[in-house]
Structures are given as structure tokens and as C-alpha cells.
């Protein structure tokens, strides 16, 4: 690793921690420079702007996530096993790069319209595809319910996975592997003992009148 590459990595790591804690808008170039131990002007030798740091941070994170998902696609797995592998890979990424994960989840929706994040937008679409493919395959094979939109189910389970970084940590006594397994089980098997009971079955036969 060259000295320049090492310095860029230090800047990205420092920025990720500050962005995750304070938000992109509230973090200044001077704060990032102070964290790295250089003068603010020195950062511009590596990145032309704070937005360029955000761009590389988000893009690099998504490229890594995309590679994790691509390795799953090469395996001959059932839809449920594929979904489990995706959740496993997502939580592993979140715990290995908690700050970058937080920046992506908290800031990226607001940055998606930026022209210089077009590569990140393409990658965001690419990392969404394996989730949807596993869900759609499960519906076609009769393993998953076909009365719920794949996109809706995807958003629920995806957000559950990513938001877990706010309360679960890699050194938790509740291990990451167990969290991943339980997450999939709750979404696919339910929490009630008799998960065959539908929401409609739980409603009263007639709705009580509402007093005016």
C-alpha cells in the first residue's frame, strides 16, 4: 500500500466515523483533518471536496456489499437459503463496517439525486436485485406467499436487517449469526405459535358501531 493510498484510507475511515455520529452536513473538512492529524488543506490533495469523500465512501461500501452478494449467486441454494445467506452477508458487512453502513443508510437516500453519485445509484440497484430475485423465486416455487408484493416484503426485511446496527454490536452476547437466523425465521415463520392464522381470521365477525 502506497503512502497516498494509506492516507486516503485514513481519511475515509475518519470521515465515516464523524459522518455516522454527526451527519454529513454537520461535519466539516477541518474536523476530518483534525481526526487524521493533518491541516485541512492537505485533505484537498486527496479529495477535491467533502462530497467526494462521501461519494467514495458510499461507492466503496456498496462495491464490497455487491461482491458479497455475487458470491452467494454462484451457489446452488433454495430461495430460503439464499435469503438467509443475504441476511448473513448483510449483517457481517454491517458489523465489519458499522460507520460506513450507518452513513449509507442515513445519508444515501438524500444524496441519491446528486449527479456525482450515479455510480453509487447503479450499485444500490445492483445490491437490491439479489434480495428481490430470492423473494420472487421463492414465490414462484411455492416456498413464499404469493399474495404479498416482493418489493414490500423486501423493504420490511431489509430495513429490519440494517436498522439492527443501532442496537446490536459484533461483541454482543447475542451473536450475529443467531441474529441473522432469527431475523429470517421471524419473517418467514412468524412469531405466533400458530402462524397459519391470518390477520382476517383474527378480526371479529362484525365490527362494533362507533358512537357519533
N, C-alpha and C. Protein backbone atom coordinates (compact mmCIF):
# COMPACT_ATOMS: atom_id res chain seq x y z
N UNK A 1 0.84 -1.19 0.00
CA UNK A 1 0.00 0.00 0.00
C UNK A 1 0.88 1.24 0.00
N UNK A 2 0.65 2.13 -0.96
CA UNK A 2 1.43 3.36 -1.03
C UNK A 2 1.03 4.31 0.09
N UNK A 3 1.89 5.31 0.33
CA UNK A 3 1.60 6.28 1.38
C UNK A 3 0.32 7.05 1.06
N UNK A 4 0.12 7.39 -0.24
CA UNK A 4 -1.08 8.12 -0.64
C UNK A 4 -2.34 7.27 -0.42
N UNK A 5 -2.25 5.99 -0.78
CA UNK A 5 -3.40 5.09 -0.59
C UNK A 5 -3.72 4.93 0.89
N UNK A 6 -2.68 4.82 1.70
CA UNK A 6 -2.87 4.68 3.14
C UNK A 6 -3.54 5.93 3.72
N UNK A 7 -3.10 7.11 3.26
CA UNK A 7 -3.68 8.35 3.75
C UNK A 7 -5.14 8.48 3.35
N UNK A 8 -5.46 8.11 2.10
CA UNK A 8 -6.85 8.15 1.65
C UNK A 8 -7.71 7.25 2.52
N UNK A 9 -7.20 6.07 2.87
CA UNK A 9 -7.95 5.15 3.72
C UNK A 9 -8.17 5.75 5.10
N UNK A 10 -7.16 6.42 5.63
CA UNK A 10 -7.29 7.06 6.94
C UNK A 10 -8.35 8.15 6.90
N UNK A 11 -8.36 8.92 5.81
CA UNK A 11 -9.35 9.99 5.67
C UNK A 11 -10.76 9.41 5.58
N UNK A 12 -10.93 8.37 4.79
CA UNK A 12 -12.25 7.75 4.64
C UNK A 12 -12.74 7.17 5.97
N UNK A 13 -11.84 6.52 6.70
CA UNK A 13 -12.24 5.93 7.99
C UNK A 13 -12.63 7.01 9.00
N UNK A 14 -11.83 8.09 9.04
CA UNK A 14 -12.13 9.19 9.96
C UNK A 14 -13.44 9.86 9.58
N UNK A 15 -13.63 10.09 8.30
CA UNK A 15 -14.86 10.73 7.83
C UNK A 15 -16.07 9.86 8.12
N UNK A 16 -15.94 8.56 7.90
CA UNK A 16 -17.06 7.65 8.14
C UNK A 16 -17.52 7.71 9.60
N UNK A 17 -16.56 7.72 10.51
CA UNK A 17 -16.91 7.79 11.93
C UNK A 17 -17.62 9.10 12.26
N UNK A 18 -17.09 10.22 11.74
CA UNK A 18 -17.71 11.52 12.01
C UNK A 18 -19.07 11.64 11.34
N UNK A 19 -19.18 11.20 10.09
CA UNK A 19 -20.46 11.26 9.39
C UNK A 19 -21.52 10.43 10.12
N UNK A 20 -21.12 9.25 10.60
CA UNK A 20 -22.07 8.36 11.27
C UNK A 20 -22.56 8.98 12.57
N UNK A 21 -21.66 9.70 13.26
CA UNK A 21 -22.01 10.27 14.56
C UNK A 21 -22.72 11.61 14.44
N UNK A 22 -22.27 12.46 13.50
CA UNK A 22 -22.79 13.82 13.42
C UNK A 22 -23.68 14.08 12.21
N UNK A 23 -23.53 13.25 11.17
CA UNK A 23 -24.20 13.51 9.91
C UNK A 23 -23.25 14.21 8.96
N UNK A 24 -23.47 14.03 7.67
CA UNK A 24 -22.59 14.63 6.67
C UNK A 24 -22.63 16.15 6.74
N UNK A 25 -23.83 16.71 6.81
CA UNK A 25 -23.96 18.16 6.78
C UNK A 25 -23.28 18.86 7.94
N UNK A 26 -23.27 18.22 9.11
CA UNK A 26 -22.72 18.86 10.31
C UNK A 26 -21.22 18.63 10.46
N UNK A 27 -20.64 17.83 9.63
CA UNK A 27 -19.20 17.53 9.72
C UNK A 27 -18.42 18.43 8.78
N UNK A 28 -17.35 19.02 9.29
CA UNK A 28 -16.54 19.92 8.46
C UNK A 28 -15.25 19.22 8.01
N UNK A 29 -14.67 19.76 6.95
CA UNK A 29 -13.39 19.26 6.47
C UNK A 29 -12.33 19.40 7.57
N UNK A 30 -12.39 20.50 8.31
CA UNK A 30 -11.42 20.71 9.39
C UNK A 30 -11.50 19.61 10.44
N UNK A 31 -12.70 19.19 10.77
CA UNK A 31 -12.86 18.11 11.76
C UNK A 31 -12.26 16.80 11.25
N UNK A 32 -12.48 16.53 9.98
CA UNK A 32 -11.91 15.30 9.40
C UNK A 32 -10.39 15.39 9.43
N UNK A 33 -9.85 16.55 9.05
CA UNK A 33 -8.40 16.75 9.05
C UNK A 33 -7.82 16.60 10.45
N UNK A 34 -8.50 17.19 11.44
CA UNK A 34 -8.03 17.08 12.82
C UNK A 34 -8.00 15.62 13.27
N UNK A 35 -8.98 14.85 12.86
CA UNK A 35 -9.04 13.45 13.26
C UNK A 35 -7.89 12.66 12.63
N UNK A 36 -7.52 13.03 11.41
CA UNK A 36 -6.42 12.35 10.72
C UNK A 36 -5.06 12.88 11.19
N UNK A 37 -5.05 14.13 11.68
CA UNK A 37 -3.80 14.72 12.15
C UNK A 37 -3.06 15.50 11.09
N UNK A 38 -3.83 16.13 10.19
CA UNK A 38 -3.20 16.96 9.15
C UNK A 38 -3.95 18.29 9.09
N UNK A 39 -3.38 19.26 8.37
CA UNK A 39 -4.07 20.53 8.18
C UNK A 39 -5.18 20.32 7.15
N UNK A 40 -6.23 21.14 7.23
CA UNK A 40 -7.39 20.96 6.37
C UNK A 40 -7.01 20.98 4.89
N UNK A 41 -6.07 21.88 4.53
CA UNK A 41 -5.69 21.99 3.13
C UNK A 41 -5.09 20.71 2.57
N UNK A 42 -4.48 19.90 3.43
CA UNK A 42 -3.84 18.67 2.97
C UNK A 42 -4.86 17.65 2.46
N UNK A 43 -6.08 17.73 2.98
CA UNK A 43 -7.11 16.79 2.53
C UNK A 43 -7.44 16.98 1.06
N UNK A 44 -7.30 18.23 0.57
CA UNK A 44 -7.65 18.51 -0.81
C UNK A 44 -6.65 17.92 -1.80
N UNK A 45 -5.52 17.43 -1.32
CA UNK A 45 -4.59 16.72 -2.19
C UNK A 45 -5.13 15.32 -2.52
N UNK A 46 -6.07 14.85 -1.69
CA UNK A 46 -6.62 13.50 -1.86
C UNK A 46 -8.07 13.51 -2.33
N UNK A 47 -8.83 14.51 -1.88
CA UNK A 47 -10.24 14.62 -2.26
C UNK A 47 -10.56 16.09 -2.56
N UNK A 48 -11.21 16.38 -3.67
CA UNK A 48 -11.49 17.77 -4.03
C UNK A 48 -12.56 18.43 -3.16
N UNK A 49 -13.36 17.63 -2.45
CA UNK A 49 -14.45 18.20 -1.64
C UNK A 49 -14.94 17.17 -0.64
N UNK A 50 -15.75 17.63 0.30
CA UNK A 50 -16.37 16.71 1.25
C UNK A 50 -17.30 15.75 0.54
N UNK A 51 -18.01 16.25 -0.47
CA UNK A 51 -18.91 15.39 -1.23
C UNK A 51 -18.18 14.26 -1.93
N UNK A 52 -16.94 14.53 -2.37
CA UNK A 52 -16.13 13.49 -3.00
C UNK A 52 -15.78 12.39 -2.00
N UNK A 53 -15.59 12.79 -0.75
CA UNK A 53 -15.32 11.79 0.30
C UNK A 53 -16.56 10.92 0.51
N UNK A 54 -17.72 11.56 0.57
CA UNK A 54 -18.97 10.82 0.72
C UNK A 54 -19.16 9.86 -0.45
N UNK A 55 -18.91 10.34 -1.65
CA UNK A 55 -19.07 9.54 -2.86
C UNK A 55 -18.21 8.28 -2.79
N UNK A 56 -16.93 8.46 -2.49
CA UNK A 56 -16.03 7.30 -2.45
C UNK A 56 -16.38 6.36 -1.30
N UNK A 57 -16.78 6.92 -0.18
CA UNK A 57 -17.15 6.10 0.98
C UNK A 57 -18.36 5.22 0.65
N UNK A 58 -19.39 5.83 0.11
CA UNK A 58 -20.61 5.09 -0.21
C UNK A 58 -20.38 4.10 -1.34
N UNK A 59 -19.67 4.54 -2.38
CA UNK A 59 -19.42 3.67 -3.52
C UNK A 59 -18.57 2.46 -3.11
N UNK A 60 -17.53 2.71 -2.34
CA UNK A 60 -16.68 1.61 -1.88
C UNK A 60 -17.44 0.62 -1.03
N UNK A 61 -18.30 1.13 -0.16
CA UNK A 61 -19.10 0.25 0.69
C UNK A 61 -20.03 -0.62 -0.16
N UNK A 62 -20.70 -0.02 -1.13
CA UNK A 62 -21.63 -0.76 -1.98
C UNK A 62 -20.91 -1.77 -2.87
N UNK A 63 -19.71 -1.43 -3.32
CA UNK A 63 -18.95 -2.39 -4.13
C UNK A 63 -18.62 -3.63 -3.31
N UNK A 64 -18.24 -3.43 -2.06
CA UNK A 64 -17.96 -4.57 -1.19
C UNK A 64 -19.19 -5.41 -0.93
N UNK A 65 -20.32 -4.74 -0.72
CA UNK A 65 -21.57 -5.46 -0.47
C UNK A 65 -21.99 -6.23 -1.72
N UNK A 66 -21.80 -5.61 -2.88
CA UNK A 66 -22.14 -6.27 -4.14
C UNK A 66 -21.32 -7.54 -4.33
N UNK A 67 -20.05 -7.50 -3.99
CA UNK A 67 -19.21 -8.69 -4.11
C UNK A 67 -19.68 -9.79 -3.17
N UNK A 68 -20.09 -9.43 -1.98
CA UNK A 68 -20.62 -10.43 -1.04
C UNK A 68 -21.85 -11.12 -1.63
N UNK A 69 -22.74 -10.33 -2.21
CA UNK A 69 -23.96 -10.89 -2.78
C UNK A 69 -23.67 -11.72 -4.02
N UNK A 70 -22.71 -11.29 -4.83
CA UNK A 70 -22.39 -12.04 -6.04
C UNK A 70 -21.86 -13.43 -5.69
N UNK A 71 -21.11 -13.55 -4.61
CA UNK A 71 -20.59 -14.86 -4.22
C UNK A 71 -21.73 -15.81 -3.83
N UNK A 72 -22.82 -15.26 -3.33
CA UNK A 72 -23.99 -16.08 -2.98
C UNK A 72 -24.67 -16.61 -4.23
N UNK A 73 -24.70 -15.80 -5.27
CA UNK A 73 -25.39 -16.17 -6.51
C UNK A 73 -24.73 -17.35 -7.20
N UNK A 74 -23.46 -17.60 -6.91
CA UNK A 74 -22.76 -18.72 -7.54
C UNK A 74 -23.08 -20.05 -6.87
N UNK A 75 -23.77 -20.02 -5.75
CA UNK A 75 -24.10 -21.24 -5.01
C UNK A 75 -25.51 -21.70 -5.37
N UNK A 76 -25.69 -23.01 -5.39
CA UNK A 76 -26.99 -23.59 -5.73
C UNK A 76 -27.82 -23.71 -4.45
N UNK A 77 -28.55 -22.64 -4.13
CA UNK A 77 -29.29 -22.59 -2.88
C UNK A 77 -30.79 -22.49 -3.13
N UNK A 78 -31.57 -22.99 -2.19
CA UNK A 78 -33.01 -22.79 -2.25
C UNK A 78 -33.30 -21.33 -1.98
N UNK A 79 -34.51 -20.83 -2.34
CA UNK A 79 -34.82 -19.42 -2.07
C UNK A 79 -34.65 -19.04 -0.60
N UNK A 80 -35.06 -19.92 0.31
CA UNK A 80 -34.92 -19.59 1.73
C UNK A 80 -33.45 -19.52 2.12
N UNK A 81 -32.66 -20.48 1.65
CA UNK A 81 -31.23 -20.48 1.96
C UNK A 81 -30.54 -19.27 1.35
N UNK A 82 -30.96 -18.85 0.16
CA UNK A 82 -30.40 -17.65 -0.46
C UNK A 82 -30.73 -16.42 0.36
N UNK A 83 -31.98 -16.32 0.81
CA UNK A 83 -32.38 -15.18 1.62
C UNK A 83 -31.59 -15.17 2.92
N UNK A 84 -31.40 -16.34 3.52
CA UNK A 84 -30.62 -16.43 4.75
C UNK A 84 -29.18 -15.99 4.51
N UNK A 85 -28.59 -16.42 3.38
CA UNK A 85 -27.22 -16.05 3.06
C UNK A 85 -27.08 -14.54 2.84
N UNK A 86 -28.09 -13.94 2.23
CA UNK A 86 -28.07 -12.49 2.01
C UNK A 86 -28.13 -11.74 3.33
N UNK A 87 -28.98 -12.20 4.23
CA UNK A 87 -29.07 -11.58 5.55
C UNK A 87 -27.76 -11.77 6.30
N UNK A 88 -27.19 -12.97 6.24
CA UNK A 88 -25.90 -13.23 6.89
C UNK A 88 -24.83 -12.26 6.37
N UNK A 89 -24.75 -12.14 5.04
CA UNK A 89 -23.73 -11.28 4.43
C UNK A 89 -23.95 -9.81 4.79
N UNK A 90 -25.21 -9.40 4.84
CA UNK A 90 -25.53 -8.01 5.16
C UNK A 90 -25.12 -7.67 6.58
N UNK A 91 -25.43 -8.56 7.52
CA UNK A 91 -25.08 -8.30 8.91
C UNK A 91 -23.57 -8.37 9.13
N UNK A 92 -22.90 -9.27 8.41
CA UNK A 92 -21.44 -9.32 8.51
C UNK A 92 -20.84 -7.99 8.04
N UNK A 93 -21.35 -7.48 6.92
CA UNK A 93 -20.85 -6.20 6.40
C UNK A 93 -21.13 -5.07 7.39
N UNK A 94 -22.32 -5.08 7.98
CA UNK A 94 -22.69 -4.03 8.92
C UNK A 94 -21.79 -4.02 10.14
N UNK A 95 -21.41 -5.21 10.61
CA UNK A 95 -20.58 -5.27 11.81
C UNK A 95 -19.10 -5.06 11.51
N UNK A 96 -18.68 -5.36 10.28
CA UNK A 96 -17.29 -5.11 9.91
C UNK A 96 -17.07 -3.64 9.58
N UNK A 97 -18.10 -2.98 9.04
CA UNK A 97 -18.00 -1.57 8.68
C UNK A 97 -19.21 -0.81 9.23
N UNK A 98 -19.33 -0.71 10.55
CA UNK A 98 -20.52 -0.08 11.12
C UNK A 98 -20.70 1.39 10.74
N UNK A 99 -19.60 2.15 10.66
CA UNK A 99 -19.72 3.57 10.33
C UNK A 99 -20.14 3.76 8.88
N UNK A 100 -19.52 3.03 7.97
CA UNK A 100 -19.89 3.14 6.56
C UNK A 100 -21.33 2.69 6.35
N UNK A 101 -21.74 1.66 7.08
CA UNK A 101 -23.13 1.19 6.98
C UNK A 101 -24.10 2.27 7.44
N UNK A 102 -23.78 2.91 8.55
CA UNK A 102 -24.65 3.96 9.07
C UNK A 102 -24.72 5.15 8.11
N UNK A 103 -23.58 5.52 7.53
CA UNK A 103 -23.58 6.63 6.58
C UNK A 103 -24.45 6.30 5.38
N UNK A 104 -24.29 5.10 4.84
CA UNK A 104 -25.09 4.69 3.68
C UNK A 104 -26.57 4.71 4.01
N UNK A 105 -26.94 4.14 5.14
CA UNK A 105 -28.36 4.05 5.49
C UNK A 105 -28.96 5.41 5.83
N UNK A 106 -28.23 6.25 6.52
CA UNK A 106 -28.78 7.53 6.97
C UNK A 106 -28.71 8.63 5.91
N UNK A 107 -27.65 8.62 5.13
CA UNK A 107 -27.41 9.73 4.22
C UNK A 107 -27.72 9.44 2.76
N UNK A 108 -27.57 8.21 2.34
CA UNK A 108 -27.67 7.94 0.92
C UNK A 108 -29.01 8.29 0.30
N UNK A 109 -30.15 8.04 0.96
CA UNK A 109 -31.42 8.44 0.32
C UNK A 109 -31.47 9.91 -0.05
N UNK A 110 -30.78 10.77 0.72
CA UNK A 110 -30.79 12.20 0.44
C UNK A 110 -29.75 12.57 -0.63
N UNK A 111 -28.78 11.70 -0.83
CA UNK A 111 -27.71 12.00 -1.76
C UNK A 111 -27.93 11.37 -3.12
N UNK A 112 -28.95 10.53 -3.24
CA UNK A 112 -29.13 9.75 -4.45
C UNK A 112 -29.35 10.61 -5.69
N UNK A 113 -29.91 11.79 -5.50
CA UNK A 113 -30.20 12.64 -6.65
C UNK A 113 -28.95 13.38 -7.16
N UNK A 114 -27.87 13.32 -6.39
CA UNK A 114 -26.67 14.02 -6.81
C UNK A 114 -26.05 13.35 -8.04
N UNK A 115 -25.71 14.14 -9.03
CA UNK A 115 -25.19 13.60 -10.29
C UNK A 115 -23.90 12.82 -10.09
N UNK A 116 -23.05 13.29 -9.15
CA UNK A 116 -21.77 12.62 -8.97
C UNK A 116 -21.88 11.32 -8.18
N UNK A 117 -23.10 10.94 -7.83
CA UNK A 117 -23.31 9.66 -7.16
C UNK A 117 -23.98 8.65 -8.09
N UNK A 118 -23.86 8.87 -9.41
CA UNK A 118 -24.52 7.97 -10.35
C UNK A 118 -24.00 6.54 -10.21
N UNK A 119 -22.69 6.38 -9.97
CA UNK A 119 -22.13 5.04 -9.78
C UNK A 119 -22.72 4.40 -8.53
N UNK A 120 -22.87 5.17 -7.47
CA UNK A 120 -23.47 4.64 -6.24
C UNK A 120 -24.92 4.25 -6.48
N UNK A 121 -25.63 5.03 -7.29
CA UNK A 121 -27.02 4.71 -7.60
C UNK A 121 -27.12 3.38 -8.35
N UNK A 122 -26.21 3.17 -9.30
CA UNK A 122 -26.19 1.90 -10.03
C UNK A 122 -25.91 0.73 -9.09
N UNK A 123 -24.96 0.92 -8.18
CA UNK A 123 -24.63 -0.14 -7.24
C UNK A 123 -25.77 -0.40 -6.26
N UNK A 124 -26.48 0.66 -5.86
CA UNK A 124 -27.62 0.48 -4.96
C UNK A 124 -28.68 -0.39 -5.62
N UNK A 125 -28.91 -0.17 -6.91
CA UNK A 125 -29.86 -1.02 -7.63
C UNK A 125 -29.35 -2.45 -7.72
N UNK A 126 -28.03 -2.60 -7.92
CA UNK A 126 -27.44 -3.93 -8.06
C UNK A 126 -27.54 -4.73 -6.76
N UNK A 127 -27.36 -4.08 -5.61
CA UNK A 127 -27.42 -4.82 -4.35
C UNK A 127 -28.87 -5.11 -3.93
N UNK A 128 -29.80 -4.39 -4.51
CA UNK A 128 -31.21 -4.68 -4.24
C UNK A 128 -31.68 -5.92 -5.00
N UNK A 129 -31.09 -6.16 -6.18
CA UNK A 129 -31.55 -7.23 -7.06
C UNK A 129 -31.51 -8.63 -6.44
N UNK A 130 -30.43 -9.03 -5.75
CA UNK A 130 -30.39 -10.37 -5.18
C UNK A 130 -31.51 -10.63 -4.16
N UNK A 131 -31.85 -9.62 -3.37
CA UNK A 131 -32.97 -9.76 -2.44
C UNK A 131 -34.25 -10.07 -3.20
N UNK A 132 -34.54 -9.25 -4.20
CA UNK A 132 -35.78 -9.41 -4.95
C UNK A 132 -35.81 -10.73 -5.72
N UNK A 133 -34.67 -11.13 -6.29
CA UNK A 133 -34.62 -12.39 -7.03
C UNK A 133 -34.93 -13.58 -6.11
N UNK A 134 -34.35 -13.58 -4.91
CA UNK A 134 -34.59 -14.68 -3.97
C UNK A 134 -36.06 -14.72 -3.56
N UNK A 135 -36.64 -13.56 -3.33
CA UNK A 135 -38.04 -13.49 -2.92
C UNK A 135 -38.95 -13.94 -4.06
N UNK A 136 -38.70 -13.45 -5.26
CA UNK A 136 -39.52 -13.83 -6.41
C UNK A 136 -39.39 -15.32 -6.71
N UNK A 137 -38.19 -15.87 -6.63
CA UNK A 137 -38.01 -17.30 -6.85
C UNK A 137 -38.77 -18.11 -5.81
N UNK A 138 -38.75 -17.65 -4.58
CA UNK A 138 -39.49 -18.34 -3.53
C UNK A 138 -40.99 -18.33 -3.79
N UNK A 139 -41.49 -17.23 -4.31
CA UNK A 139 -42.92 -17.16 -4.66
C UNK A 139 -43.24 -18.09 -5.81
N UNK A 140 -42.39 -18.13 -6.83
CA UNK A 140 -42.64 -19.00 -7.98
C UNK A 140 -42.60 -20.48 -7.60
N UNK A 141 -41.72 -20.82 -6.66
CA UNK A 141 -41.58 -22.22 -6.27
C UNK A 141 -42.56 -22.64 -5.18
N UNK A 142 -43.38 -21.69 -4.74
CA UNK A 142 -44.36 -22.02 -3.72
C UNK A 142 -43.81 -22.04 -2.31
N UNK A 143 -42.59 -21.57 -2.12
CA UNK A 143 -42.00 -21.55 -0.79
C UNK A 143 -42.44 -20.32 0.01
N UNK A 144 -42.73 -19.22 -0.69
CA UNK A 144 -43.18 -17.99 -0.06
C UNK A 144 -44.59 -17.65 -0.54
N UNK A 145 -45.29 -16.89 0.25
CA UNK A 145 -46.63 -16.45 -0.12
C UNK A 145 -46.60 -15.62 -1.40
N UNK A 146 -47.62 -15.83 -2.24
CA UNK A 146 -47.66 -15.08 -3.49
C UNK A 146 -48.66 -13.93 -3.46
N UNK A 147 -49.26 -13.66 -2.28
CA UNK A 147 -50.25 -12.59 -2.20
C UNK A 147 -49.66 -11.28 -1.68
N UNK A 148 -48.35 -11.27 -1.42
CA UNK A 148 -47.69 -10.06 -0.95
C UNK A 148 -46.67 -9.61 -1.99
N UNK A 149 -46.61 -8.31 -2.31
CA UNK A 149 -45.64 -7.82 -3.28
C UNK A 149 -44.21 -8.07 -2.81
N UNK A 150 -43.37 -8.55 -3.70
CA UNK A 150 -41.98 -8.83 -3.37
C UNK A 150 -41.28 -7.56 -2.87
N UNK A 151 -41.58 -6.42 -3.49
CA UNK A 151 -40.93 -5.18 -3.10
C UNK A 151 -41.26 -4.77 -1.67
N UNK A 152 -42.48 -5.00 -1.25
CA UNK A 152 -42.88 -4.64 0.11
C UNK A 152 -42.17 -5.54 1.13
N UNK A 153 -42.18 -6.86 0.85
CA UNK A 153 -41.50 -7.78 1.76
C UNK A 153 -40.01 -7.45 1.84
N UNK A 154 -39.43 -7.14 0.70
CA UNK A 154 -38.01 -6.78 0.66
C UNK A 154 -37.72 -5.58 1.54
N UNK A 155 -38.54 -4.55 1.44
CA UNK A 155 -38.28 -3.35 2.24
C UNK A 155 -38.39 -3.63 3.73
N UNK A 156 -39.36 -4.44 4.11
CA UNK A 156 -39.53 -4.76 5.53
C UNK A 156 -38.31 -5.49 6.08
N UNK A 157 -37.91 -6.58 5.41
CA UNK A 157 -36.80 -7.38 5.95
C UNK A 157 -35.47 -6.65 5.81
N UNK A 158 -35.29 -5.92 4.71
CA UNK A 158 -34.05 -5.15 4.52
C UNK A 158 -33.89 -4.11 5.62
N UNK A 159 -34.95 -3.36 5.89
CA UNK A 159 -34.85 -2.31 6.91
C UNK A 159 -34.65 -2.91 8.29
N UNK A 160 -35.27 -4.04 8.55
CA UNK A 160 -35.07 -4.72 9.83
C UNK A 160 -33.60 -5.09 10.00
N UNK A 161 -33.00 -5.61 8.95
CA UNK A 161 -31.59 -6.01 8.99
C UNK A 161 -30.70 -4.80 9.22
N UNK A 162 -30.85 -3.75 8.41
CA UNK A 162 -29.94 -2.61 8.51
C UNK A 162 -30.13 -1.82 9.80
N UNK A 163 -31.37 -1.68 10.26
CA UNK A 163 -31.60 -0.91 11.48
C UNK A 163 -31.09 -1.62 12.73
N UNK A 164 -30.82 -2.91 12.62
CA UNK A 164 -30.32 -3.65 13.79
C UNK A 164 -28.95 -3.12 14.23
N UNK A 165 -28.23 -2.42 13.33
CA UNK A 165 -26.91 -1.91 13.74
C UNK A 165 -27.04 -0.84 14.81
N UNK A 166 -28.23 -0.29 14.99
CA UNK A 166 -28.42 0.74 16.01
C UNK A 166 -28.50 0.15 17.41
N UNK A 167 -28.75 -1.16 17.51
CA UNK A 167 -28.86 -1.76 18.84
C UNK A 167 -28.03 -3.03 19.03
N UNK A 168 -27.58 -3.63 17.93
CA UNK A 168 -26.79 -4.85 18.06
C UNK A 168 -25.35 -4.59 17.65
N UNK A 169 -24.41 -5.17 18.40
CA UNK A 169 -22.99 -4.97 18.12
C UNK A 169 -22.30 -6.32 17.97
N UNK A 170 -21.17 -6.31 17.27
CA UNK A 170 -20.49 -7.56 16.95
C UNK A 170 -20.07 -8.33 18.19
N UNK A 171 -19.77 -7.62 19.29
CA UNK A 171 -19.33 -8.30 20.51
C UNK A 171 -20.48 -8.58 21.47
N UNK A 172 -21.71 -8.45 20.98
CA UNK A 172 -22.89 -8.71 21.80
C UNK A 172 -22.93 -10.18 22.20
N UNK A 173 -23.50 -10.48 23.38
CA UNK A 173 -23.65 -11.87 23.80
C UNK A 173 -24.64 -12.63 22.92
N UNK A 174 -25.48 -11.86 22.22
CA UNK A 174 -26.40 -12.42 21.23
C UNK A 174 -25.68 -12.38 19.89
N UNK A 175 -25.10 -13.50 19.43
CA UNK A 175 -24.20 -13.45 18.27
C UNK A 175 -24.88 -13.05 16.97
N UNK A 176 -24.09 -12.51 16.08
CA UNK A 176 -24.60 -12.04 14.79
C UNK A 176 -25.24 -13.17 14.00
N UNK A 177 -24.62 -14.34 14.02
CA UNK A 177 -25.17 -15.48 13.27
C UNK A 177 -26.56 -15.84 13.77
N UNK A 178 -26.75 -15.78 15.08
CA UNK A 178 -28.06 -16.08 15.65
C UNK A 178 -29.07 -15.00 15.28
N UNK A 179 -28.63 -13.75 15.29
CA UNK A 179 -29.50 -12.64 14.89
C UNK A 179 -29.98 -12.84 13.46
N UNK A 180 -29.08 -13.20 12.56
CA UNK A 180 -29.44 -13.42 11.16
C UNK A 180 -30.44 -14.55 11.03
N UNK A 181 -30.20 -15.63 11.73
CA UNK A 181 -31.10 -16.79 11.67
C UNK A 181 -32.48 -16.44 12.22
N UNK A 182 -32.50 -15.74 13.34
CA UNK A 182 -33.79 -15.38 13.95
C UNK A 182 -34.55 -14.38 13.09
N UNK A 183 -33.84 -13.47 12.45
CA UNK A 183 -34.49 -12.49 11.58
C UNK A 183 -35.26 -13.20 10.46
N UNK A 184 -34.60 -14.12 9.78
CA UNK A 184 -35.25 -14.84 8.69
C UNK A 184 -36.41 -15.68 9.22
N UNK A 185 -36.20 -16.32 10.37
CA UNK A 185 -37.26 -17.15 10.94
C UNK A 185 -38.50 -16.34 11.28
N UNK A 186 -38.31 -15.16 11.86
CA UNK A 186 -39.45 -14.32 12.22
C UNK A 186 -40.22 -13.90 10.97
N UNK A 187 -39.50 -13.52 9.92
CA UNK A 187 -40.17 -13.06 8.70
C UNK A 187 -40.83 -14.19 7.94
N UNK A 188 -40.21 -15.37 7.91
CA UNK A 188 -40.76 -16.46 7.12
C UNK A 188 -41.67 -17.40 7.91
N UNK A 189 -41.41 -17.55 9.20
CA UNK A 189 -42.20 -18.48 10.01
C UNK A 189 -43.16 -17.79 10.96
N UNK A 190 -42.95 -16.52 11.21
CA UNK A 190 -43.81 -15.79 12.12
C UNK A 190 -43.37 -15.93 13.57
N UNK A 191 -44.10 -15.29 14.46
CA UNK A 191 -43.78 -15.32 15.89
C UNK A 191 -44.86 -16.04 16.69
N UNK A 192 -46.10 -15.98 16.20
CA UNK A 192 -47.18 -16.70 16.88
C UNK A 192 -46.97 -18.20 16.77
N UNK A 193 -47.44 -18.95 17.77
CA UNK A 193 -47.29 -20.40 17.75
C UNK A 193 -47.99 -20.98 16.53
N UNK A 194 -49.23 -20.53 16.28
CA UNK A 194 -49.97 -20.99 15.10
C UNK A 194 -49.92 -19.88 14.07
N UNK A 195 -48.85 -19.87 13.26
CA UNK A 195 -48.69 -18.78 12.30
C UNK A 195 -49.56 -18.97 11.07
N UNK A 196 -50.38 -20.02 11.03
CA UNK A 196 -51.29 -20.21 9.91
C UNK A 196 -52.49 -19.29 10.00
N UNK A 197 -52.74 -18.74 11.20
CA UNK A 197 -53.89 -17.86 11.40
C UNK A 197 -53.61 -16.52 10.71
N UNK A 198 -54.49 -16.13 9.82
CA UNK A 198 -54.29 -14.90 9.09
C UNK A 198 -54.85 -13.71 9.86
N UNK A 199 -54.49 -12.53 9.41
CA UNK A 199 -55.00 -11.32 10.05
C UNK A 199 -56.51 -11.27 9.95
N UNK A 200 -57.06 -11.66 8.80
CA UNK A 200 -58.51 -11.63 8.62
C UNK A 200 -59.21 -12.55 9.61
N UNK A 201 -58.58 -13.70 9.91
CA UNK A 201 -59.18 -14.64 10.85
C UNK A 201 -59.26 -14.07 12.26
N UNK A 202 -58.40 -13.10 12.57
CA UNK A 202 -58.35 -12.55 13.93
C UNK A 202 -59.36 -11.43 14.14
N UNK A 203 -60.01 -10.96 13.06
CA UNK A 203 -60.98 -9.86 13.17
C UNK A 203 -62.32 -10.39 13.67
N UNK A 204 -63.09 -9.58 14.41
CA UNK A 204 -64.43 -10.00 14.84
C UNK A 204 -65.35 -10.16 13.63
N UNK A 205 -66.36 -10.99 13.80
CA UNK A 205 -67.28 -11.27 12.70
C UNK A 205 -67.97 -10.00 12.21
N UNK A 206 -68.33 -9.13 13.14
CA UNK A 206 -68.94 -7.85 12.78
C UNK A 206 -68.22 -6.75 13.53
N UNK A 207 -68.03 -5.64 12.88
CA UNK A 207 -67.36 -4.53 13.51
C UNK A 207 -68.32 -3.78 14.40
N UNK A 208 -67.94 -3.42 15.64
CA UNK A 208 -68.82 -2.65 16.51
C UNK A 208 -69.08 -1.28 15.95
N UNK A 209 -70.25 -0.77 16.22
CA UNK A 209 -70.57 0.57 15.73
C UNK A 209 -69.78 1.59 16.51
N UNK A 210 -69.51 2.69 15.87
CA UNK A 210 -68.75 3.76 16.50
C UNK A 210 -69.71 4.88 16.88
N UNK A 211 -69.65 5.26 18.15
CA UNK A 211 -70.55 6.30 18.63
C UNK A 211 -70.22 7.62 17.97
N UNK A 212 -71.24 8.38 17.61
CA UNK A 212 -71.02 9.67 16.96
C UNK A 212 -70.49 10.66 17.98
